Amino acid sequence: MRQTNENTSVNLKLVMLFDWRKQIYCICSHNLSPEDASTEVTELRRDGLPAFSVDQRSRHLHDDAEECEVCRADVQQCVNPPPALERRKREFRR
């Protein structure tokens, strides 16, 4: 989603981990610029984690991305059928 500020327009992204075998995901971050989301995805993938970025439809007001209902709605909008939500990030650690 494009969030318009005074003179700039910004695409907002969320970063998620997705386990294809178990069909579960968890949300790591939200309200990121495309550059920040790309950096975070690269770092997570470098650590061997299955990270992806998803476009947000709007700025999310919840402080904790993992608990953000709007993040879940954005993921469900992008993935059909939606995978199960996994709140424990440790599931993805190696």
N, C-alpha and C. Protein backbone atom coordinates (compact mmCIF):
# COMPACT_ATOMS: atom_id res chain seq x y z
N MET A 1 0.85 -1.19 0.00
CA MET A 1 0.00 0.00 0.00
C MET A 1 0.88 1.23 0.00
N ARG A 2 0.48 2.24 -0.68
CA ARG A 2 1.22 3.49 -0.67
C ARG A 2 0.68 4.35 0.46
N GLN A 3 1.58 4.71 1.35
CA GLN A 3 1.25 5.60 2.46
C GLN A 3 1.78 6.97 2.07
N THR A 4 0.93 7.96 1.92
CA THR A 4 1.37 9.27 1.46
C THR A 4 1.62 10.17 2.65
N ASN A 5 2.81 10.72 2.69
CA ASN A 5 3.15 11.73 3.68
C ASN A 5 3.22 13.06 2.95
N GLU A 6 3.71 14.09 3.58
CA GLU A 6 3.69 15.43 3.00
C GLU A 6 4.14 15.44 1.54
N ASN A 7 5.37 15.04 1.28
CA ASN A 7 5.88 15.09 -0.09
C ASN A 7 6.35 13.73 -0.60
N THR A 8 6.14 12.68 0.17
CA THR A 8 6.65 11.37 -0.24
C THR A 8 5.54 10.34 -0.23
N SER A 9 5.77 9.30 -0.98
CA SER A 9 4.85 8.18 -1.03
C SER A 9 5.67 6.92 -0.75
N VAL A 10 5.21 6.08 0.19
CA VAL A 10 6.00 4.94 0.62
C VAL A 10 5.16 3.67 0.52
N ASN A 11 5.74 2.61 -0.05
CA ASN A 11 5.11 1.29 -0.03
C ASN A 11 5.44 0.65 1.31
N LEU A 12 4.44 0.15 2.01
CA LEU A 12 4.68 -0.51 3.29
C LEU A 12 4.66 -2.01 3.10
N LYS A 13 5.54 -2.70 3.82
CA LYS A 13 5.70 -4.15 3.71
C LYS A 13 5.70 -4.77 5.10
N LEU A 14 5.31 -6.04 5.15
CA LEU A 14 5.51 -6.83 6.35
C LEU A 14 6.42 -7.99 5.97
N VAL A 15 7.15 -8.51 6.95
CA VAL A 15 8.05 -9.64 6.73
C VAL A 15 7.53 -10.82 7.53
N MET A 16 7.47 -11.97 6.87
CA MET A 16 6.96 -13.17 7.52
C MET A 16 7.89 -14.35 7.23
N LEU A 17 7.82 -15.35 8.11
CA LEU A 17 8.48 -16.63 7.89
C LEU A 17 7.40 -17.63 7.53
N PHE A 18 7.69 -18.50 6.58
CA PHE A 18 6.69 -19.47 6.15
C PHE A 18 7.34 -20.84 5.99
N ASP A 19 6.78 -21.83 6.68
CA ASP A 19 7.24 -23.21 6.58
C ASP A 19 6.32 -23.94 5.61
N TRP A 20 6.83 -24.24 4.41
CA TRP A 20 6.03 -24.88 3.37
C TRP A 20 5.56 -26.27 3.78
N ARG A 21 6.41 -27.04 4.45
CA ARG A 21 6.05 -28.41 4.82
C ARG A 21 4.92 -28.43 5.84
N LYS A 22 5.01 -27.59 6.85
CA LYS A 22 3.99 -27.58 7.92
C LYS A 22 2.84 -26.63 7.62
N GLN A 23 3.00 -25.80 6.58
CA GLN A 23 1.97 -24.82 6.21
C GLN A 23 1.63 -23.89 7.38
N ILE A 24 2.68 -23.37 8.03
CA ILE A 24 2.49 -22.39 9.11
C ILE A 24 3.35 -21.16 8.82
N TYR A 25 2.94 -20.04 9.39
CA TYR A 25 3.72 -18.82 9.23
C TYR A 25 3.75 -18.04 10.53
N CYS A 26 4.69 -17.12 10.60
CA CYS A 26 4.69 -16.14 11.69
C CYS A 26 5.14 -14.81 11.10
N ILE A 27 4.67 -13.74 11.69
CA ILE A 27 4.98 -12.41 11.20
C ILE A 27 6.10 -11.83 12.07
N CYS A 28 7.13 -11.35 11.40
CA CYS A 28 8.30 -10.82 12.11
C CYS A 28 8.24 -9.31 12.30
N SER A 29 7.89 -8.59 11.24
CA SER A 29 7.92 -7.12 11.26
C SER A 29 6.82 -6.58 10.36
N HIS A 30 6.43 -5.35 10.62
CA HIS A 30 5.48 -4.68 9.74
C HIS A 30 5.79 -3.20 9.66
N ASN A 31 5.09 -2.49 8.76
CA ASN A 31 5.28 -1.06 8.52
C ASN A 31 6.70 -0.74 8.07
N LEU A 32 7.28 -1.61 7.27
CA LEU A 32 8.64 -1.41 6.78
C LEU A 32 8.63 -0.80 5.38
N SER A 33 9.67 -0.02 5.09
CA SER A 33 9.86 0.45 3.72
C SER A 33 10.28 -0.75 2.88
N PRO A 34 10.15 -0.68 1.57
CA PRO A 34 10.60 -1.80 0.73
C PRO A 34 12.08 -2.12 0.95
N GLU A 35 12.89 -1.11 1.14
CA GLU A 35 14.32 -1.32 1.35
C GLU A 35 14.58 -2.05 2.67
N ASP A 36 13.91 -1.62 3.74
CA ASP A 36 14.08 -2.27 5.05
C ASP A 36 13.56 -3.71 5.01
N ALA A 37 12.44 -3.92 4.34
CA ALA A 37 11.89 -5.28 4.24
C ALA A 37 12.84 -6.18 3.46
N SER A 38 13.41 -5.67 2.38
CA SER A 38 14.34 -6.45 1.58
C SER A 38 15.59 -6.81 2.39
N THR A 39 16.09 -5.87 3.17
CA THR A 39 17.25 -6.11 4.02
C THR A 39 16.94 -7.18 5.05
N GLU A 40 15.78 -7.07 5.70
CA GLU A 40 15.41 -8.05 6.72
C GLU A 40 15.23 -9.45 6.12
N VAL A 41 14.58 -9.52 4.97
CA VAL A 41 14.39 -10.82 4.30
C VAL A 41 15.75 -11.43 3.94
N THR A 42 16.65 -10.62 3.42
CA THR A 42 17.99 -11.10 3.06
C THR A 42 18.72 -11.64 4.28
N GLU A 43 18.66 -10.92 5.40
CA GLU A 43 19.33 -11.36 6.62
C GLU A 43 18.73 -12.65 7.16
N LEU A 44 17.41 -12.75 7.16
CA LEU A 44 16.76 -13.97 7.64
C LEU A 44 17.08 -15.16 6.74
N ARG A 45 17.07 -14.95 5.44
CA ARG A 45 17.39 -16.04 4.51
C ARG A 45 18.85 -16.45 4.65
N ARG A 46 19.73 -15.48 4.92
CA ARG A 46 21.14 -15.80 5.14
C ARG A 46 21.29 -16.72 6.34
N ASP A 47 20.40 -16.56 7.32
CA ASP A 47 20.39 -17.43 8.51
C ASP A 47 19.66 -18.75 8.26
N GLY A 48 19.22 -18.97 7.03
CA GLY A 48 18.55 -20.22 6.69
C GLY A 48 17.06 -20.24 6.98
N LEU A 49 16.46 -19.08 7.20
CA LEU A 49 15.04 -19.02 7.51
C LEU A 49 14.23 -18.67 6.26
N PRO A 50 13.04 -19.25 6.11
CA PRO A 50 12.20 -19.04 4.92
C PRO A 50 11.42 -17.73 5.02
N ALA A 51 12.07 -16.61 4.73
CA ALA A 51 11.46 -15.29 4.89
C ALA A 51 10.91 -14.76 3.57
N PHE A 52 9.81 -13.99 3.69
CA PHE A 52 9.16 -13.38 2.55
C PHE A 52 8.61 -12.03 2.97
N SER A 53 8.45 -11.12 2.01
CA SER A 53 7.78 -9.86 2.31
C SER A 53 6.42 -9.85 1.61
N VAL A 54 5.49 -9.15 2.22
CA VAL A 54 4.12 -9.04 1.72
C VAL A 54 3.74 -7.57 1.73
N ASP A 55 3.07 -7.12 0.68
CA ASP A 55 2.57 -5.74 0.64
C ASP A 55 1.49 -5.54 1.69
N GLN A 56 1.55 -4.42 2.37
CA GLN A 56 0.49 -4.04 3.31
C GLN A 56 -0.51 -3.16 2.57
N ARG A 57 -1.76 -3.25 2.97
CA ARG A 57 -2.79 -2.40 2.38
C ARG A 57 -2.86 -1.04 3.05
N SER A 58 -2.33 -0.94 4.28
CA SER A 58 -2.33 0.32 5.03
C SER A 58 -1.31 0.23 6.15
N ARG A 59 -1.05 1.35 6.81
CA ARG A 59 -0.17 1.34 7.98
C ARG A 59 -0.89 0.61 9.11
N HIS A 60 -0.19 -0.30 9.77
CA HIS A 60 -0.77 -1.05 10.87
C HIS A 60 -0.48 -0.33 12.18
N LEU A 61 -1.50 -0.18 13.01
CA LEU A 61 -1.38 0.61 14.23
C LEU A 61 -0.86 -0.19 15.42
N HIS A 62 -1.00 -1.51 15.38
CA HIS A 62 -0.56 -2.36 16.50
C HIS A 62 0.95 -2.32 16.60
N ASP A 63 1.49 -2.18 17.82
CA ASP A 63 2.94 -2.11 18.01
C ASP A 63 3.63 -3.44 17.73
N ASP A 64 3.01 -4.55 18.11
CA ASP A 64 3.61 -5.87 17.98
C ASP A 64 3.11 -6.55 16.71
N ALA A 65 4.00 -6.71 15.72
CA ALA A 65 3.60 -7.30 14.44
C ALA A 65 3.06 -8.71 14.62
N GLU A 66 3.63 -9.45 15.57
CA GLU A 66 3.20 -10.84 15.78
C GLU A 66 1.76 -10.92 16.27
N GLU A 67 1.28 -9.89 16.93
CA GLU A 67 -0.09 -9.86 17.46
C GLU A 67 -1.04 -9.04 16.59
N CYS A 68 -0.57 -8.52 15.48
CA CYS A 68 -1.35 -7.59 14.65
C CYS A 68 -2.36 -8.33 13.78
N GLU A 69 -3.64 -8.07 14.03
CA GLU A 69 -4.72 -8.69 13.25
C GLU A 69 -4.70 -8.24 11.79
N VAL A 70 -4.31 -6.98 11.56
CA VAL A 70 -4.29 -6.46 10.20
C VAL A 70 -3.19 -7.14 9.38
N CYS A 71 -2.07 -7.48 10.02
CA CYS A 71 -1.01 -8.25 9.34
C CYS A 71 -1.58 -9.58 8.86
N ARG A 72 -2.29 -10.27 9.75
CA ARG A 72 -2.86 -11.56 9.37
C ARG A 72 -3.81 -11.42 8.19
N ALA A 73 -4.61 -10.35 8.21
CA ALA A 73 -5.54 -10.12 7.10
C ALA A 73 -4.79 -9.87 5.79
N ASP A 74 -3.68 -9.13 5.86
CA ASP A 74 -2.89 -8.88 4.65
C ASP A 74 -2.27 -10.17 4.12
N VAL A 75 -1.79 -11.03 5.01
CA VAL A 75 -1.23 -12.32 4.58
C VAL A 75 -2.32 -13.17 3.94
N GLN A 76 -3.48 -13.23 4.57
CA GLN A 76 -4.58 -14.02 4.04
C GLN A 76 -5.03 -13.49 2.69
N GLN A 77 -4.94 -12.19 2.49
CA GLN A 77 -5.31 -11.58 1.21
C GLN A 77 -4.36 -12.04 0.10
N CYS A 78 -3.09 -12.27 0.45
CA CYS A 78 -2.06 -12.63 -0.54
C CYS A 78 -1.92 -14.12 -0.78
N VAL A 79 -2.28 -14.94 0.19
CA VAL A 79 -2.06 -16.38 0.11
C VAL A 79 -3.41 -17.09 0.13
N ASN A 80 -3.62 -17.99 -0.83
CA ASN A 80 -4.90 -18.68 -0.89
C ASN A 80 -4.65 -20.17 -1.09
N PRO A 81 -5.07 -21.06 -0.22
CA PRO A 81 -5.70 -20.77 1.07
C PRO A 81 -4.65 -20.33 2.08
N PRO A 82 -5.07 -19.55 3.07
CA PRO A 82 -4.10 -19.06 4.04
C PRO A 82 -3.54 -20.19 4.90
N PRO A 83 -2.23 -20.15 5.19
CA PRO A 83 -1.65 -21.14 6.08
C PRO A 83 -2.03 -20.85 7.53
N ALA A 84 -1.75 -21.80 8.40
CA ALA A 84 -2.02 -21.60 9.83
C ALA A 84 -1.02 -20.63 10.41
N LEU A 85 -1.45 -19.82 11.35
CA LEU A 85 -0.58 -18.87 12.04
C LEU A 85 0.17 -19.58 13.14
N GLU A 86 1.48 -19.38 13.20
CA GLU A 86 2.30 -19.92 14.28
C GLU A 86 2.94 -18.73 14.98
N ARG A 87 2.61 -18.54 16.25
CA ARG A 87 3.09 -17.37 16.97
C ARG A 87 4.50 -17.53 17.51
N ARG A 88 4.98 -18.73 17.62
CA ARG A 88 6.31 -18.94 18.20
C ARG A 88 7.35 -18.93 17.10
N LYS A 89 8.19 -17.90 17.07
CA LYS A 89 9.23 -17.78 16.07
C LYS A 89 10.29 -18.87 16.23
N ARG A 90 10.41 -19.43 17.43
CA ARG A 90 11.42 -20.46 17.68
C ARG A 90 11.23 -21.66 16.77
N GLU A 91 10.03 -21.88 16.28
CA GLU A 91 9.72 -23.00 15.40
C GLU A 91 10.61 -22.96 14.16
N PHE A 92 11.03 -21.77 13.75
CA PHE A 92 11.80 -21.60 12.53
C PHE A 92 13.30 -21.54 12.77
N ARG A 93 13.72 -21.52 14.01
CA ARG A 93 15.16 -21.45 14.33
C ARG A 93 15.81 -22.79 14.07
N ARG A 94 17.03 -22.76 13.63
CA ARG A 94 17.79 -24.00 13.40
C ARG A 94 18.77 -24.22 14.49
